[in-house]
N, C-alpha and C. Protein backbone atom coordinates (compact mmCIF):
# COMPACT_ATOMS: atom_id res chain seq x y z
N MET A 1 0.89 -1.80 0.34
CA MET A 1 -0.24 0.20 -0.21
C MET A 1 0.96 0.99 0.03
N ALA A 2 0.73 2.38 -1.27
CA ALA A 2 1.98 3.47 -1.30
C ALA A 2 1.19 4.51 0.06
N LEU A 3 2.14 4.97 0.32
CA LEU A 3 1.42 5.76 2.08
C LEU A 3 1.82 7.40 1.22
N ASP A 4 2.54 6.96 0.22
CA ASP A 4 2.65 9.02 -0.40
C ASP A 4 1.18 9.66 -0.59
N ALA A 5 0.27 9.21 -0.45
CA ALA A 5 -0.60 10.17 -1.07
C ALA A 5 -1.48 10.31 0.78
N ALA A 6 -1.18 9.33 1.19
CA ALA A 6 -1.43 9.86 2.96
C ALA A 6 -1.41 11.06 4.00
N PRO A 7 -2.01 11.10 4.77
CA PRO A 7 -1.21 12.37 5.15
C PRO A 7 0.00 12.05 6.30
N ALA A 8 0.65 12.64 7.19
CA ALA A 8 1.68 11.88 7.79
C ALA A 8 0.64 11.54 9.15
N ASN A 9 1.15 10.45 10.29
CA ASN A 9 0.69 10.56 11.28
C ASN A 9 -0.28 9.87 11.04
N THR A 10 -1.71 9.19 9.96
CA THR A 10 -2.04 8.93 10.45
C THR A 10 -2.85 7.46 9.12
N TRP A 11 -2.87 6.47 10.20
CA TRP A 11 -3.36 4.76 9.78
C TRP A 11 -4.23 4.44 8.56
N THR A 12 -3.66 4.38 7.86
CA THR A 12 -3.87 3.62 5.80
C THR A 12 -4.24 1.86 5.86
N PRO A 13 -5.62 1.21 5.79
CA PRO A 13 -5.65 0.19 5.41
C PRO A 13 -4.58 0.05 4.61
N VAL A 14 -4.03 -1.14 5.02
CA VAL A 14 -3.61 -1.82 4.07
C VAL A 14 -3.89 -2.59 2.54
N THR A 15 -3.64 -2.14 1.63
CA THR A 15 -4.48 -3.65 0.74
C THR A 15 -4.31 -4.84 0.63
N GLY A 16 -4.86 -5.30 0.59
CA GLY A 16 -5.48 -7.36 0.78
C GLY A 16 -5.46 -7.63 1.86
N ALA A 17 -4.95 -6.88 3.09
CA ALA A 17 -4.81 -7.43 4.60
C ALA A 17 -5.84 -7.15 4.99
N GLN A 18 -6.89 -7.63 4.96
CA GLN A 18 -8.06 -7.98 6.59
C GLN A 18 -8.87 -9.04 6.07
N LEU A 19 -9.01 -9.46 7.38
CA LEU A 19 -9.85 -11.09 7.50
C LEU A 19 -10.50 -10.82 8.56
N VAL A 20 -11.41 -12.19 8.07
CA VAL A 20 -12.93 -12.14 9.44
C VAL A 20 -13.01 -13.14 10.55
N LEU A 21 -12.75 -12.49 11.74
CA LEU A 21 -12.75 -13.32 12.58
C LEU A 21 -14.18 -14.50 12.44
N PRO A 22 -14.62 -16.05 12.50
CA PRO A 22 -15.80 -16.21 11.49
C PRO A 22 -16.64 -16.25 13.42
N GLU A 23 -16.44 -16.03 14.23
CA GLU A 23 -17.17 -16.84 15.82
C GLU A 23 -16.59 -15.82 17.12
N ALA A 24 -17.17 -16.28 17.93
CA ALA A 24 -16.40 -15.98 19.74
C ALA A 24 -15.29 -16.92 19.43
N GLY A 25 -14.17 -15.94 20.05
CA GLY A 25 -13.72 -16.84 20.91
C GLY A 25 -12.71 -16.42 20.96
N VAL A 26 -10.94 -16.99 21.21
CA VAL A 26 -9.62 -16.83 21.16
C VAL A 26 -8.70 -16.69 20.09
N TYR A 27 -8.38 -16.00 19.73
CA TYR A 27 -7.30 -15.81 18.71
C TYR A 27 -6.20 -15.52 18.74
N GLU A 28 -5.40 -16.26 17.92
CA GLU A 28 -3.56 -15.91 17.37
C GLU A 28 -3.74 -15.35 16.16
N VAL A 29 -2.95 -14.21 16.27
CA VAL A 29 -3.28 -13.50 15.05
C VAL A 29 -2.31 -12.69 14.87
N VAL A 30 -1.34 -13.10 13.55
CA VAL A 30 -0.48 -12.26 13.24
C VAL A 30 -0.13 -12.20 12.12
N ALA A 31 0.57 -10.84 12.01
CA ALA A 31 0.91 -10.13 10.92
C ALA A 31 1.91 -10.15 10.65
N ASP A 32 2.97 -9.48 9.34
CA ASP A 32 4.36 -9.86 8.66
C ASP A 32 3.89 -8.94 7.88
N VAL A 33 5.48 -7.78 8.30
CA VAL A 33 4.83 -7.03 7.38
C VAL A 33 6.26 -5.83 7.32
N GLN A 34 6.55 -5.73 5.63
CA GLN A 34 7.87 -4.87 4.98
C GLN A 34 6.90 -3.48 4.68
N GLY A 35 8.43 -2.87 4.96
CA GLY A 35 8.33 -0.97 5.07
C GLY A 35 9.58 -1.35 3.48
N SER A 36 8.88 0.00 3.58
CA SER A 36 10.01 0.91 2.48
C SER A 36 9.81 2.46 2.38
N ILE A 37 10.60 3.35 1.76
CA ILE A 37 10.97 4.59 2.04
C ILE A 37 12.50 5.12 1.56
N ALA A 38 12.11 5.89 0.60
CA ALA A 38 13.35 6.85 -0.09
C ALA A 38 13.27 8.45 0.56
N TRP A 39 14.33 8.72 0.49
CA TRP A 39 14.77 10.03 0.98
C TRP A 39 16.09 10.62 0.75
N ALA A 40 15.95 11.84 0.54
CA ALA A 40 17.20 12.86 -0.10
C ALA A 40 17.96 13.37 1.21
N VAL A 41 18.86 13.93 0.74
CA VAL A 41 19.85 14.91 2.06
C VAL A 41 19.30 15.12 2.86
N GLY A 42 19.09 15.13 4.44
CA GLY A 42 18.50 15.97 5.24
C GLY A 42 17.34 15.33 6.52
N VAL A 43 17.70 14.09 6.04
CA VAL A 43 16.01 14.09 6.48
C VAL A 43 16.32 12.90 8.22
N THR A 44 15.62 13.81 9.34
CA THR A 44 15.43 13.07 10.35
C THR A 44 14.34 12.30 10.63
N ASN A 45 14.51 11.19 10.96
CA ASN A 45 13.19 10.43 11.68
C ASN A 45 12.26 9.69 10.57
N ALA A 46 12.32 9.46 9.39
CA ALA A 46 11.76 8.80 8.57
C ALA A 46 11.29 7.44 9.08
N ILE A 47 10.03 7.05 9.40
CA ILE A 47 9.23 6.74 9.69
C ILE A 47 8.19 5.53 9.75
N ILE A 48 8.08 4.37 9.25
CA ILE A 48 6.48 3.65 9.11
C ILE A 48 6.61 2.87 9.95
N ASP A 49 5.24 3.07 10.23
CA ASP A 49 4.74 2.38 11.27
C ASP A 49 3.64 1.11 10.98
N ALA A 50 3.03 0.07 11.47
CA ALA A 50 2.11 -0.72 11.41
C ALA A 50 1.18 -1.39 12.22
N ARG A 51 0.00 -2.10 12.94
CA ARG A 51 -0.60 -2.15 13.41
C ARG A 51 -1.38 -3.19 13.52
N ILE A 52 -1.89 -4.32 14.12
CA ILE A 52 -3.35 -4.88 13.86
C ILE A 52 -4.57 -4.15 13.68
N PHE A 53 -5.31 -3.84 12.98
CA PHE A 53 -6.40 -3.17 13.71
C PHE A 53 -7.95 -3.38 13.69
N ASP A 54 -8.88 -4.02 14.89
CA ASP A 54 -10.04 -4.54 15.01
C ASP A 54 -11.42 -3.41 14.37
N VAL A 55 -11.67 -3.29 13.16
CA VAL A 55 -12.73 -2.74 12.41
C VAL A 55 -13.90 -2.40 13.11
N THR A 56 -14.37 -4.07 12.83
CA THR A 56 -15.58 -4.01 13.66
C THR A 56 -15.97 -3.38 15.36
N ALA A 57 -14.58 -3.48 16.17
CA ALA A 57 -14.81 -2.46 17.23
C ALA A 57 -14.32 -1.11 17.93
N GLY A 58 -13.60 -1.04 16.42
CA GLY A 58 -12.64 0.06 15.80
C GLY A 58 -11.53 0.45 16.45
N ALA A 59 -10.70 -0.45 17.55
CA ALA A 59 -9.55 0.20 18.25
C ALA A 59 -8.73 -1.63 18.10
N GLU A 60 -7.45 -0.69 18.22
CA GLU A 60 -6.35 -1.19 17.74
C GLU A 60 -6.41 -2.65 18.20
N VAL A 61 -5.71 -3.75 17.60
CA VAL A 61 -5.73 -5.01 18.50
C VAL A 61 -4.40 -4.85 19.43
N PRO A 62 -4.60 -4.64 20.49
CA PRO A 62 -4.26 -4.44 22.24
C PRO A 62 -2.64 -4.95 21.65
N THR A 63 -1.21 -4.57 21.33
CA THR A 63 0.38 -4.79 22.03
C THR A 63 0.91 -5.59 20.34
N THR A 64 -0.26 -4.29 18.69
CA THR A 64 0.32 -5.43 17.75
C THR A 64 1.03 -4.13 17.08
N ALA A 65 0.59 -3.11 17.56
CA ALA A 65 1.93 -1.46 16.69
C ALA A 65 3.28 -2.14 16.34
N ARG A 66 4.17 -1.90 15.85
CA ARG A 66 5.46 -2.30 15.36
C ARG A 66 5.34 -1.09 14.63
N ARG A 67 7.04 -0.66 14.80
CA ARG A 67 7.98 0.44 13.88
C ARG A 67 8.58 -0.43 12.77
N VAL A 68 8.57 0.19 11.91
CA VAL A 68 9.06 -0.97 10.60
C VAL A 68 9.96 -0.38 10.37
N ILE A 69 10.37 1.17 10.43
CA ILE A 69 11.40 1.72 10.32
C ILE A 69 11.63 2.89 10.84
N LEU A 70 12.80 3.04 11.20
CA LEU A 70 12.83 4.30 11.94
C LEU A 70 14.52 4.89 11.28
N PHE A 71 14.64 5.53 10.50
CA PHE A 71 16.17 6.01 10.00
C PHE A 71 16.61 6.95 9.70
N THR A 72 17.11 7.64 10.32
CA THR A 72 18.05 9.69 10.63
C THR A 72 19.21 9.19 9.51
N ASP A 73 19.27 10.37 8.36
CA ASP A 73 20.22 10.03 7.75
C ASP A 73 20.54 11.72 7.31
N GLN A 74 21.71 12.07 7.96
CA GLN A 74 21.15 14.08 7.58
C GLN A 74 22.72 14.58 6.40
N ALA A 75 23.31 12.97 5.91
CA ALA A 75 25.03 13.72 5.40
C ALA A 75 24.63 12.61 3.67
N ALA A 76 23.65 11.57 3.52
CA ALA A 76 24.05 11.19 2.77
C ALA A 76 23.86 11.40 1.36
N GLU A 77 24.38 11.21 0.46
CA GLU A 77 24.42 12.42 -0.94
C GLU A 77 23.46 11.35 -1.52
N GLY A 78 22.63 12.61 -2.67
CA GLY A 78 22.21 11.85 -3.60
C GLY A 78 20.56 10.69 -3.02
N THR A 79 19.71 10.51 -3.93
CA THR A 79 18.60 8.97 -2.93
C THR A 79 19.07 8.37 -2.38
N ASN A 80 18.50 7.79 -1.40
CA ASN A 80 19.06 6.19 -0.56
C ASN A 80 17.60 6.03 -0.69
N GLY A 81 17.36 4.96 -0.24
CA GLY A 81 15.66 4.19 0.46
C GLY A 81 16.58 3.03 1.57
N ILE A 82 15.65 2.21 2.02
CA ILE A 82 15.36 1.44 2.71
C ILE A 82 14.72 0.69 2.77
N GLN A 83 14.56 -1.05 3.40
CA GLN A 83 13.36 -1.67 3.04
C GLN A 83 14.05 -1.96 5.18
N ALA A 84 12.61 -2.72 5.28
CA ALA A 84 12.68 -3.54 6.90
C ALA A 84 11.13 -4.43 7.70
N ASN A 85 11.51 -5.12 7.92
CA ASN A 85 11.00 -5.93 8.52
C ASN A 85 9.84 -6.19 9.35
N ALA A 86 8.63 -5.92 9.86
CA ALA A 86 8.52 -6.49 11.35
C ALA A 86 7.38 -7.12 11.31
N SER A 87 6.61 -7.89 12.35
CA SER A 87 5.41 -9.04 12.99
C SER A 87 5.53 -8.07 14.11
N ALA A 88 3.89 -8.69 14.20
CA ALA A 88 3.22 -8.91 15.12
C ALA A 88 2.52 -10.14 15.68
N SER A 89 1.90 -9.77 16.62
CA SER A 89 1.06 -11.51 17.19
C SER A 89 0.49 -11.06 18.05
N ALA A 90 -0.82 -11.01 18.74
CA ALA A 90 -1.25 -11.06 19.67
C ALA A 90 -2.15 -12.38 19.71
N LEU A 91 -2.66 -12.19 21.09
CA LEU A 91 -3.87 -13.16 21.43
C LEU A 91 -5.40 -12.54 21.63
N TYR A 92 -6.08 -12.35 20.41
CA TYR A 92 -7.25 -11.87 20.69
C TYR A 92 -8.42 -12.38 20.56
N GLN A 93 -9.40 -11.43 21.78
CA GLN A 93 -11.23 -12.36 22.10
C GLN A 93 -12.01 -11.71 21.74
N VAL A 94 -12.73 -12.33 20.44
CA VAL A 94 -13.95 -11.63 20.14
C VAL A 94 -14.93 -12.24 20.74
N ALA A 95 -15.79 -11.25 20.92
CA ALA A 95 -17.64 -11.88 21.08
C ALA A 95 -17.89 -12.21 20.34
N GLY A 96 -18.29 -12.32 18.72
CA GLY A 96 -18.86 -12.75 17.16
C GLY A 96 -17.78 -12.49 16.47
N PRO A 97 -17.84 -12.56 15.27
CA PRO A 97 -17.19 -12.29 14.53
C PRO A 97 -16.82 -10.92 14.04
N ALA A 98 -15.90 -10.66 13.46
CA ALA A 98 -15.15 -9.26 14.00
C ALA A 98 -14.13 -9.56 12.39
N THR A 99 -14.28 -8.10 12.03
CA THR A 99 -13.19 -8.00 10.64
C THR A 99 -11.74 -7.38 11.21
N ILE A 100 -10.31 -7.53 11.29
CA ILE A 100 -9.39 -7.32 11.47
C ILE A 100 -8.89 -6.25 10.16
N ARG A 101 -7.48 -5.65 10.17
CA ARG A 101 -7.31 -5.30 9.62
C ARG A 101 -5.24 -4.96 9.05
N VAL A 102 -4.86 -5.23 8.29
CA VAL A 102 -3.30 -4.50 8.69
C VAL A 102 -3.37 -2.75 8.53
N GLU A 103 -2.89 -1.87 9.15
CA GLU A 103 -3.01 -0.45 8.61
C GLU A 103 -1.30 0.33 8.64
N GLY A 104 -0.90 1.21 7.81
CA GLY A 104 0.39 1.85 7.98
C GLY A 104 -0.38 3.08 7.73
N SER A 105 1.23 3.71 8.57
CA SER A 105 1.54 4.98 9.28
C SER A 105 2.77 5.72 8.82
N TRP A 106 2.80 6.52 8.66
CA TRP A 106 4.33 7.27 7.95
C TRP A 106 4.47 8.48 8.67
N ARG A 107 5.50 9.33 9.02
CA ARG A 107 5.93 10.51 9.17
C ARG A 107 7.38 10.94 8.82
N THR A 108 7.40 11.76 9.04
CA THR A 108 8.90 12.65 8.67
C THR A 108 9.35 13.93 9.81
N ASP A 109 10.29 14.00 11.15
CA ASP A 109 10.24 14.75 11.24
C ASP A 109 11.43 15.80 10.56
N SER A 110 11.87 15.48 10.13
CA SER A 110 12.27 16.93 8.31
C SER A 110 12.80 16.55 7.64
N GLY A 111 12.80 17.41 6.46
CA GLY A 111 13.53 16.72 4.92
C GLY A 111 12.32 16.11 4.32
N THR A 112 12.52 15.05 3.30
CA THR A 112 11.65 14.82 2.21
C THR A 112 11.90 13.41 1.90
N THR A 113 10.89 12.51 1.86
CA THR A 113 10.79 11.63 1.98
C THR A 113 9.98 11.16 0.74
N SER A 114 9.91 9.92 0.48
CA SER A 114 8.92 9.51 -0.79
C SER A 114 9.11 8.18 -1.29
N GLN A 115 8.36 7.48 -1.92
CA GLN A 115 7.88 5.99 -1.95
C GLN A 115 7.85 5.32 -0.54
N LYS A 116 6.35 6.38 -0.32
CA LYS A 116 6.74 5.09 1.36
C LYS A 116 5.54 4.20 1.49
N VAL A 117 5.76 2.75 1.64
CA VAL A 117 4.80 1.82 0.84
C VAL A 117 4.76 0.88 2.49
N VAL A 118 4.05 0.25 2.73
CA VAL A 118 3.53 -1.15 3.58
C VAL A 118 3.08 -1.74 3.01
N TRP A 119 3.39 -3.36 3.34
CA TRP A 119 2.59 -4.12 2.91
C TRP A 119 2.14 -5.32 3.57
N ALA A 120 1.88 -6.10 3.78
CA ALA A 120 1.62 -7.95 4.43
C ALA A 120 2.00 -8.45 3.98
N HIS A 121 3.19 -9.35 4.05
CA HIS A 121 3.10 -10.21 2.81
C HIS A 121 2.62 -11.72 3.69
N SER A 122 2.18 -11.40 4.95
CA SER A 122 1.20 -13.33 5.93
C SER A 122 0.17 -12.01 6.37
N PHE A 123 -0.21 -12.46 6.82
CA PHE A 123 -1.25 -12.30 7.93
C PHE A 123 -2.42 -13.26 7.96
N ARG A 124 -2.37 -13.53 9.13
CA ARG A 124 -3.19 -14.64 9.62
C ARG A 124 -4.12 -15.19 10.77
N PHE A 125 -4.92 -15.69 10.85
CA PHE A 125 -5.34 -16.83 12.58
C PHE A 125 -4.96 -17.41 12.75
N ARG A 126 -5.73 -18.03 13.81
CA ARG A 126 -5.58 -19.28 14.44
C ARG A 126 -6.62 -18.92 16.14
N LYS A 127 -7.75 -19.89 16.20
CA LYS A 127 -8.63 -20.09 16.92
C LYS A 127 -7.58 -20.61 17.89
N VAL A 128 -7.82 -20.27 19.34
CA VAL A 128 -6.83 -20.97 20.36
C VAL A 128 -8.01 -21.99 21.44
N SER A 129 -9.01 -20.93 21.53
CA SER A 129 -9.71 -21.83 22.80
C SER A 129 -11.76 -20.27 22.26
N ASP A 130 -12.49 -21.17 23.40
CA ASP A 130 -13.60 -20.31 22.53
C ASP A 130 -13.80 -19.36 23.46
């Protein structure tokens, strides 16, 4: 999911990373995400974050927010970029069917960034109890 068009510090749904927990119970939810960002000279704190969000409840799944990228480069020449991975997992209890999704966000404290992207290369769940 390209984040360049999204405002900074705004959670944006990741395309193709939405699941339905089919019934009440406790689930292990796992998201493996990857992010990338490009920048020029003088960037301070180029950041990509990701989380799992419960659309049905309208709330973040606790303990799933992850910093995918945090990079500072005030001296680099030309255009630079970086990719990184992060994983989040949690035991999550729902009272009935629930839709969950992966969301991404970006922030740059100073300087200019581009090609900000986050995607889930694996997003899954497993029911562990009723």
